[in-house]
Amino acid sequence: MKNKTTLTLIAFGLFLIGFVGLIVNLIGLPFMLTDWLNQLFGTAIGFLLKLLLVMIGLGLAVFANSPEKEPYDEYFDGDKFD
């Protein structure tokens, strides 16, 4: 994967914004970067969208840091059984 660092930084940013937005929202303070979600969609949908930001950030980080190819398994050669 060519843009591994860029995808990891984007994933970290999404995760951080979503997580901080969730924590600050649970405390009851407004957070400028995610407060518009609550105002536009309501509290419940805003909460779910922040959870979605966290999950997308984690998923993107896992995807960006996963190996490109499966390593060769010397104990099971799948080509022998075709």
PDB file of N, CA and C in Angstrom:
ATOM      1  N   MET A   1       0.853  -1.173   0.000  1.00  0.00           N
ATOM      2  CA  MET A   1       0.000   0.000   0.000  1.00  0.00           C
ATOM      3  C   MET A   1       0.898   1.235   0.000  1.00  0.00           C
ATOM      4  N   LYS A   2       0.617   2.128  -0.896  1.00  0.00           N
ATOM      5  CA  LYS A   2       1.494   3.261  -1.105  1.00  0.00           C
ATOM      6  C   LYS A   2       1.291   4.363  -0.062  1.00  0.00           C
ATOM      7  N   ASN A   3       0.066   4.644   0.302  1.00  0.00           N
ATOM      8  CA  ASN A   3      -0.247   5.756   1.197  1.00  0.00           C
ATOM      9  C   ASN A   3      -0.570   5.279   2.601  1.00  0.00           C
ATOM     10  N   LYS A   4       0.246   4.404   3.128  1.00  0.00           N
ATOM     11  CA  LYS A   4      -0.008   3.817   4.439  1.00  0.00           C
ATOM     12  C   LYS A   4       0.008   4.878   5.541  1.00  0.00           C
ATOM     13  N   THR A   5       0.980   5.772   5.491  1.00  0.00           N
ATOM     14  CA  THR A   5       1.093   6.808   6.520  1.00  0.00           C
ATOM     15  C   THR A   5      -0.074   7.780   6.449  1.00  0.00           C
ATOM     16  N   THR A   6      -0.467   8.159   5.255  1.00  0.00           N
ATOM     17  CA  THR A   6      -1.577   9.098   5.097  1.00  0.00           C
ATOM     18  C   THR A   6      -2.880   8.498   5.613  1.00  0.00           C
ATOM     19  N   LEU A   7      -3.142   7.250   5.263  1.00  0.00           N
ATOM     20  CA  LEU A   7      -4.363   6.599   5.739  1.00  0.00           C
ATOM     21  C   LEU A   7      -4.358   6.432   7.256  1.00  0.00           C
ATOM     22  N   THR A   8      -3.195   6.139   7.821  1.00  0.00           N
ATOM     23  CA  THR A   8      -3.105   5.994   9.269  1.00  0.00           C
ATOM     24  C   THR A   8      -3.359   7.325   9.963  1.00  0.00           C
ATOM     25  N   LEU A   9      -2.840   8.414   9.419  1.00  0.00           N
ATOM     26  CA  LEU A   9      -3.091   9.735  10.012  1.00  0.00           C
ATOM     27  C   LEU A   9      -4.560  10.132   9.907  1.00  0.00           C
ATOM     28  N   ILE A  10      -5.180   9.849   8.771  1.00  0.00           N
ATOM     29  CA  ILE A  10      -6.610  10.138   8.620  1.00  0.00           C
ATOM     30  C   ILE A  10      -7.422   9.305   9.603  1.00  0.00           C
ATOM     31  N   ALA A  11      -7.058   8.037   9.744  1.00  0.00           N
ATOM     32  CA  ALA A  11      -7.760   7.154  10.680  1.00  0.00           C
ATOM     33  C   ALA A  11      -7.609   7.650  12.110  1.00  0.00           C
ATOM     34  N   PHE A  12      -6.401   8.061  12.482  1.00  0.00           N
ATOM     35  CA  PHE A  12      -6.179   8.572  13.827  1.00  0.00           C
ATOM     36  C   PHE A  12      -6.978   9.846  14.061  1.00  0.00           C
ATOM     37  N   GLY A  13      -7.034  10.716  13.054  1.00  0.00           N
ATOM     38  CA  GLY A  13      -7.817  11.942  13.189  1.00  0.00           C
ATOM     39  C   GLY A  13      -9.300  11.669  13.366  1.00  0.00           C
ATOM     40  N   LEU A  14      -9.850  10.766  12.565  1.00  0.00           N
ATOM     41  CA  LEU A  14     -11.265  10.408  12.704  1.00  0.00           C
ATOM     42  C   LEU A  14     -11.549   9.806  14.073  1.00  0.00           C
ATOM     43  N   PHE A  15     -10.674   8.890  14.500  1.00  0.00           N
ATOM     44  CA  PHE A  15     -10.856   8.264  15.806  1.00  0.00           C
ATOM     45  C   PHE A  15     -10.774   9.297  16.921  1.00  0.00           C
ATOM     46  N   LEU A  16      -9.786  10.173  16.855  1.00  0.00           N
ATOM     47  CA  LEU A  16      -9.591  11.163  17.914  1.00  0.00           C
ATOM     48  C   LEU A  16     -10.755  12.145  17.986  1.00  0.00           C
ATOM     49  N   ILE A  17     -11.208  12.638  16.852  1.00  0.00           N
ATOM     50  CA  ILE A  17     -12.329  13.580  16.841  1.00  0.00           C
ATOM     51  C   ILE A  17     -13.598  12.908  17.356  1.00  0.00           C
ATOM     52  N   GLY A  18     -13.858  11.690  16.905  1.00  0.00           N
ATOM     53  CA  GLY A  18     -15.046  10.980  17.369  1.00  0.00           C
ATOM     54  C   GLY A  18     -14.991  10.651  18.846  1.00  0.00           C
ATOM     55  N   PHE A  19     -13.838  10.182  19.319  1.00  0.00           N
ATOM     56  CA  PHE A  19     -13.707   9.787  20.721  1.00  0.00           C
ATOM     57  C   PHE A  19     -13.785  10.993  21.650  1.00  0.00           C
ATOM     58  N   VAL A  20     -13.078  12.053  21.314  1.00  0.00           N
ATOM     59  CA  VAL A  20     -13.139  13.267  22.144  1.00  0.00           C
ATOM     60  C   VAL A  20     -14.539  13.856  22.101  1.00  0.00           C
ATOM     61  N   GLY A  21     -15.172  13.829  20.934  1.00  0.00           N
ATOM     62  CA  GLY A  21     -16.547  14.310  20.840  1.00  0.00           C
ATOM     63  C   GLY A  21     -17.502  13.515  21.711  1.00  0.00           C
ATOM     64  N   LEU A  22     -17.324  12.196  21.760  1.00  0.00           N
ATOM     65  CA  LEU A  22     -18.163  11.357  22.624  1.00  0.00           C
ATOM     66  C   LEU A  22     -17.943  11.670  24.097  1.00  0.00           C
ATOM     67  N   ILE A  23     -16.694  11.734  24.510  1.00  0.00           N
ATOM     68  CA  ILE A  23     -16.385  11.971  25.922  1.00  0.00           C
ATOM     69  C   ILE A  23     -16.872  13.343  26.364  1.00  0.00           C
ATOM     70  N   VAL A  24     -16.598  14.351  25.562  1.00  0.00           N
ATOM     71  CA  VAL A  24     -17.022  15.710  25.922  1.00  0.00           C
ATOM     72  C   VAL A  24     -18.541  15.808  25.918  1.00  0.00           C
ATOM     73  N   ASN A  25     -19.200  15.118  25.002  1.00  0.00           N
ATOM     74  CA  ASN A  25     -20.655  15.119  24.954  1.00  0.00           C
ATOM     75  C   ASN A  25     -21.246  14.422  26.176  1.00  0.00           C
ATOM     76  N   LEU A  26     -20.617  13.330  26.620  1.00  0.00           N
ATOM     77  CA  LEU A  26     -21.108  12.634  27.808  1.00  0.00           C
ATOM     78  C   LEU A  26     -20.936  13.479  29.064  1.00  0.00           C
ATOM     79  N   ILE A  27     -19.900  14.313  29.096  1.00  0.00           N
ATOM     80  CA  ILE A  27     -19.713  15.228  30.225  1.00  0.00           C
ATOM     81  C   ILE A  27     -20.757  16.333  30.182  1.00  0.00           C
ATOM     82  N   GLY A  28     -21.151  16.722  28.993  1.00  0.00           N
ATOM     83  CA  GLY A  28     -22.180  17.744  28.839  1.00  0.00           C
ATOM     84  C   GLY A  28     -21.659  19.065  28.316  1.00  0.00           C
ATOM     85  N   LEU A  29     -20.426  19.083  27.849  1.00  0.00           N
ATOM     86  CA  LEU A  29     -19.845  20.302  27.309  1.00  0.00           C
ATOM     87  C   LEU A  29     -19.929  20.284  25.783  1.00  0.00           C
ATOM     88  N   PRO A  30     -20.012  21.445  25.156  1.00  0.00           N
ATOM     89  CA  PRO A  30     -20.017  21.463  23.687  1.00  0.00           C
ATOM     90  C   PRO A  30     -18.595  21.310  23.141  1.00  0.00           C
ATOM     91  N   PHE A  31     -18.465  20.567  22.069  1.00  0.00           N
ATOM     92  CA  PHE A  31     -17.184  20.390  21.380  1.00  0.00           C
ATOM     93  C   PHE A  31     -17.374  20.906  19.966  1.00  0.00           C
ATOM     94  N   MET A  32     -16.590  21.915  19.604  1.00  0.00           N
ATOM     95  CA  MET A  32     -16.817  22.654  18.372  1.00  0.00           C
ATOM     96  C   MET A  32     -16.813  21.759  17.123  1.00  0.00           C
ATOM     97  N   LEU A  33     -15.922  20.771  17.072  1.00  0.00           N
ATOM     98  CA  LEU A  33     -15.795  19.970  15.858  1.00  0.00           C
ATOM     99  C   LEU A  33     -16.963  19.014  15.629  1.00  0.00           C
ATOM    100  N   THR A  34     -17.659  18.621  16.693  1.00  0.00           N
ATOM    101  CA  THR A  34     -18.766  17.676  16.529  1.00  0.00           C
ATOM    102  C   THR A  34     -20.099  18.206  17.064  1.00  0.00           C
ATOM    103  N   ASP A  35     -20.122  19.419  17.552  1.00  0.00           N
ATOM    104  CA  ASP A  35     -21.365  19.967  18.095  1.00  0.00           C
ATOM    105  C   ASP A  35     -22.409  20.203  17.001  1.00  0.00           C
ATOM    106  N   TRP A  36     -21.956  20.460  15.790  1.00  0.00           N
ATOM    107  CA  TRP A  36     -22.903  20.688  14.698  1.00  0.00           C
ATOM    108  C   TRP A  36     -23.701  19.428  14.378  1.00  0.00           C
ATOM    109  N   LEU A  37     -23.149  18.248  14.676  1.00  0.00           N
ATOM    110  CA  LEU A  37     -23.904  17.009  14.455  1.00  0.00           C
ATOM    111  C   LEU A  37     -25.132  16.955  15.359  1.00  0.00           C
ATOM    112  N   ASN A  38     -24.954  17.353  16.620  1.00  0.00           N
ATOM    113  CA  ASN A  38     -26.083  17.367  17.552  1.00  0.00           C
ATOM    114  C   ASN A  38     -27.118  18.408  17.152  1.00  0.00           C
ATOM    115  N   GLN A  39     -26.667  19.556  16.697  1.00  0.00           N
ATOM    116  CA  GLN A  39     -27.598  20.615  16.330  1.00  0.00           C
ATOM    117  C   GLN A  39     -28.351  20.283  15.042  1.00  0.00           C
ATOM    118  N   LEU A  40     -27.696  19.610  14.126  1.00  0.00           N
ATOM    119  CA  LEU A  40     -28.311  19.326  12.835  1.00  0.00           C
ATOM    120  C   LEU A  40     -29.208  18.091  12.873  1.00  0.00           C
ATOM    121  N   PHE A  41     -28.753  17.026  13.541  1.00  0.00           N
ATOM    122  CA  PHE A  41     -29.475  15.757  13.510  1.00  0.00           C
ATOM    123  C   PHE A  41     -30.149  15.385  14.819  1.00  0.00           C
ATOM    124  N   GLY A  42     -29.883  16.088  15.880  1.00  0.00           N
ATOM    125  CA  GLY A  42     -30.429  15.724  17.180  1.00  0.00           C
ATOM    126  C   GLY A  42     -29.393  14.959  17.998  1.00  0.00           C
ATOM    127  N   THR A  43     -29.706  14.767  19.263  1.00  0.00           N
ATOM    128  CA  THR A  43     -28.737  14.181  20.182  1.00  0.00           C
ATOM    129  C   THR A  43     -28.457  12.715  19.881  1.00  0.00           C
ATOM    130  N   ALA A  44     -29.488  11.925  19.636  1.00  0.00           N
ATOM    131  CA  ALA A  44     -29.291  10.485  19.431  1.00  0.00           C
ATOM    132  C   ALA A  44     -28.530  10.198  18.139  1.00  0.00           C
ATOM    133  N   ILE A  45     -28.922  10.837  17.052  1.00  0.00           N
ATOM    134  CA  ILE A  45     -28.241  10.616  15.775  1.00  0.00           C
ATOM    135  C   ILE A  45     -26.823  11.176  15.831  1.00  0.00           C
ATOM    136  N   GLY A  46     -26.630  12.299  16.512  1.00  0.00           N
ATOM    137  CA  GLY A  46     -25.288  12.850  16.682  1.00  0.00           C
ATOM    138  C   GLY A  46     -24.381  11.901  17.440  1.00  0.00           C
ATOM    139  N   PHE A  47     -24.922  11.266  18.473  1.00  0.00           N
ATOM    140  CA  PHE A  47     -24.159  10.280  19.237  1.00  0.00           C
ATOM    141  C   PHE A  47     -23.772   9.091  18.360  1.00  0.00           C
ATOM    142  N   LEU A  48     -24.720   8.614  17.560  1.00  0.00           N
ATOM    143  CA  LEU A  48     -24.434   7.484  16.674  1.00  0.00           C
ATOM    144  C   LEU A  48     -23.419   7.848  15.591  1.00  0.00           C
ATOM    145  N   LEU A  49     -23.481   9.068  15.093  1.00  0.00           N
ATOM    146  CA  LEU A  49     -22.508   9.496  14.087  1.00  0.00           C
ATOM    147  C   LEU A  49     -21.110   9.610  14.682  1.00  0.00           C
ATOM    148  N   LYS A  50     -21.011  10.026  15.940  1.00  0.00           N
ATOM    149  CA  LYS A  50     -19.699  10.071  16.603  1.00  0.00           C
ATOM    150  C   LYS A  50     -19.162   8.665  16.829  1.00  0.00           C
ATOM    151  N   LEU A  51     -20.043   7.738  17.184  1.00  0.00           N
ATOM    152  CA  LEU A  51     -19.620   6.340  17.288  1.00  0.00           C
ATOM    153  C   LEU A  51     -19.152   5.815  15.934  1.00  0.00           C
ATOM    154  N   LEU A  52     -19.846   6.217  14.880  1.00  0.00           N
ATOM    155  CA  LEU A  52     -19.464   5.812  13.536  1.00  0.00           C
ATOM    156  C   LEU A  52     -18.091   6.374  13.163  1.00  0.00           C
ATOM    157  N   LEU A  53     -17.801   7.610  13.562  1.00  0.00           N
ATOM    158  CA  LEU A  53     -16.477   8.183  13.328  1.00  0.00           C
ATOM    159  C   LEU A  53     -15.394   7.351  13.999  1.00  0.00           C
ATOM    160  N   VAL A  54     -15.656   6.941  15.242  1.00  0.00           N
ATOM    161  CA  VAL A  54     -14.681   6.131  15.975  1.00  0.00           C
ATOM    162  C   VAL A  54     -14.478   4.789  15.278  1.00  0.00           C
ATOM    163  N   MET A  55     -15.562   4.144  14.877  1.00  0.00           N
ATOM    164  CA  MET A  55     -15.447   2.825  14.243  1.00  0.00           C
ATOM    165  C   MET A  55     -14.781   2.912  12.870  1.00  0.00           C
ATOM    166  N   ILE A  56     -15.099   3.944  12.100  1.00  0.00           N
ATOM    167  CA  ILE A  56     -14.457   4.113  10.797  1.00  0.00           C
ATOM    168  C   ILE A  56     -12.969   4.384  10.981  1.00  0.00           C
ATOM    169  N   GLY A  57     -12.622   5.186  11.980  1.00  0.00           N
ATOM    170  CA  GLY A  57     -11.210   5.444  12.257  1.00  0.00           C
ATOM    171  C   GLY A  57     -10.455   4.185  12.622  1.00  0.00           C
ATOM    172  N   LEU A  58     -11.042   3.354  13.480  1.00  0.00           N
ATOM    173  CA  LEU A  58     -10.386   2.097  13.856  1.00  0.00           C
ATOM    174  C   LEU A  58     -10.281   1.145  12.665  1.00  0.00           C
ATOM    175  N   GLY A  59     -11.354   1.038  11.901  1.00  0.00           N
ATOM    176  CA  GLY A  59     -11.335   0.154  10.738  1.00  0.00           C
ATOM    177  C   GLY A  59     -10.332   0.593   9.690  1.00  0.00           C
ATOM    178  N   LEU A  60     -10.236   1.886   9.466  1.00  0.00           N
ATOM    179  CA  LEU A  60      -9.284   2.404   8.494  1.00  0.00           C
ATOM    180  C   LEU A  60      -7.849   2.189   8.963  1.00  0.00           C
ATOM    181  N   ALA A  61      -7.610   2.315  10.263  1.00  0.00           N
ATOM    182  CA  ALA A  61      -6.268   2.069  10.797  1.00  0.00           C
ATOM    183  C   ALA A  61      -5.882   0.604  10.641  1.00  0.00           C
ATOM    184  N   VAL A  62      -6.816  -0.288  10.892  1.00  0.00           N
ATOM    185  CA  VAL A  62      -6.530  -1.718  10.715  1.00  0.00           C
ATOM    186  C   VAL A  62      -6.282  -2.027   9.242  1.00  0.00           C
ATOM    187  N   PHE A  63      -7.090  -1.462   8.371  1.00  0.00           N
ATOM    188  CA  PHE A  63      -6.921  -1.682   6.935  1.00  0.00           C
ATOM    189  C   PHE A  63      -5.587  -1.135   6.433  1.00  0.00           C
ATOM    190  N   ALA A  64      -5.209   0.048   6.906  1.00  0.00           N
ATOM    191  CA  ALA A  64      -3.973   0.674   6.435  1.00  0.00           C
ATOM    192  C   ALA A  64      -2.738  -0.076   6.910  1.00  0.00           C
ATOM    193  N   ASN A  65      -2.808  -0.710   8.058  1.00  0.00           N
ATOM    194  CA  ASN A  65      -1.635  -1.379   8.615  1.00  0.00           C
ATOM    195  C   ASN A  65      -1.650  -2.888   8.439  1.00  0.00           C
ATOM    196  N   SER A  66      -2.592  -3.408   7.680  1.00  0.00           N
ATOM    197  CA  SER A  66      -2.618  -4.845   7.425  1.00  0.00           C
ATOM    198  C   SER A  66      -1.653  -5.166   6.283  1.00  0.00           C
ATOM    199  N   PRO A  67      -1.109  -6.375   6.285  1.00  0.00           N
ATOM    200  CA  PRO A  67      -0.180  -6.732   5.200  1.00  0.00           C
ATOM    201  C   PRO A  67      -0.909  -6.815   3.863  1.00  0.00           C
ATOM    202  N   GLU A  68      -0.181  -6.522   2.806  1.00  0.00           N
ATOM    203  CA  GLU A  68      -0.797  -6.512   1.479  1.00  0.00           C
ATOM    204  C   GLU A  68      -1.110  -7.912   0.980  1.00  0.00           C
ATOM    205  N   LYS A  69      -0.194  -8.834   1.170  1.00  0.00           N
ATOM    206  CA  LYS A  69      -0.364 -10.196   0.696  1.00  0.00           C
ATOM    207  C   LYS A  69      -0.345 -11.147   1.873  1.00  0.00           C
ATOM    208  N   GLU A  70      -1.070 -12.234   1.713  1.00  0.00           N
ATOM    209  CA  GLU A  70      -1.008 -13.276   2.729  1.00  0.00           C
ATOM    210  C   GLU A  70       0.359 -13.938   2.661  1.00  0.00           C
ATOM    211  N   PRO A  71       0.990 -14.142   3.796  1.00  0.00           N
ATOM    212  CA  PRO A  71       2.279 -14.834   3.752  1.00  0.00           C
ATOM    213  C   PRO A  71       2.097 -16.295   3.332  1.00  0.00           C
ATOM    214  N   TYR A  72       3.090 -16.837   2.705  1.00  0.00           N
ATOM    215  CA  TYR A  72       3.027 -18.220   2.229  1.00  0.00           C
ATOM    216  C   TYR A  72       3.046 -19.163   3.422  1.00  0.00           C
ATOM    217  N   ASP A  73       2.121 -20.092   3.436  1.00  0.00           N
ATOM    218  CA  ASP A  73       2.049 -21.078   4.509  1.00  0.00           C
ATOM    219  C   ASP A  73       2.733 -22.350   4.026  1.00  0.00           C
ATOM    220  N   GLU A  74       3.863 -22.680   4.623  1.00  0.00           N
ATOM    221  CA  GLU A  74       4.632 -23.831   4.152  1.00  0.00           C
ATOM    222  C   GLU A  74       3.994 -25.164   4.530  1.00  0.00           C
ATOM    223  N   TYR A  75       3.075 -25.148   5.483  1.00  0.00           N
ATOM    224  CA  TYR A  75       2.450 -26.394   5.912  1.00  0.00           C
ATOM    225  C   TYR A  75       1.208 -26.739   5.097  1.00  0.00           C
ATOM    226  N   PHE A  76       0.642 -25.748   4.426  1.00  0.00           N
ATOM    227  CA  PHE A  76      -0.539 -25.998   3.607  1.00  0.00           C
ATOM    228  C   PHE A  76      -0.346 -25.314   2.268  1.00  0.00           C
ATOM    229  N   ASP A  77      -0.112 -26.094   1.267  1.00  0.00           N
ATOM    230  CA  ASP A  77       0.029 -25.557  -0.078  1.00  0.00           C
ATOM    231  C   ASP A  77      -1.294 -25.777  -0.793  1.00  0.00           C
ATOM    232  N   GLY A  78      -2.070 -24.716  -0.936  1.00  0.00           N
ATOM    233  CA  GLY A  78      -3.401 -24.826  -1.501  1.00  0.00           C
ATOM    234  C   GLY A  78      -3.418 -25.231  -2.957  1.00  0.00           C
ATOM    235  N   ASP A  79      -2.299 -25.068  -3.672  1.00  0.00           N
ATOM    236  CA  ASP A  79      -2.259 -25.411  -5.088  1.00  0.00           C
ATOM    237  C   ASP A  79      -2.241 -26.920  -5.324  1.00  0.00           C
ATOM    238  N   LYS A  80      -1.852 -27.696  -4.341  1.00  0.00           N
ATOM    239  CA  LYS A  80      -1.764 -29.143  -4.526  1.00  0.00           C
ATOM    240  C   LYS A  80      -3.132 -29.793  -4.666  1.00  0.00           C
ATOM    241  N   PHE A  81      -4.161 -29.149  -4.147  1.00  0.00           N
ATOM    242  CA  PHE A  81      -5.478 -29.767  -4.111  1.00  0.00           C
ATOM    243  C   PHE A  81      -6.401 -29.274  -5.206  1.00  0.00           C
ATOM    244  N   ASP A  82      -5.912 -28.464  -6.116  1.00  0.00           N
ATOM    245  CA  ASP A  82      -6.750 -27.963  -7.215  1.00  0.00           C
ATOM    246  C   ASP A  82      -6.836 -28.945  -8.344  1.00  0.00           C
TER     247      ASP A  82
END
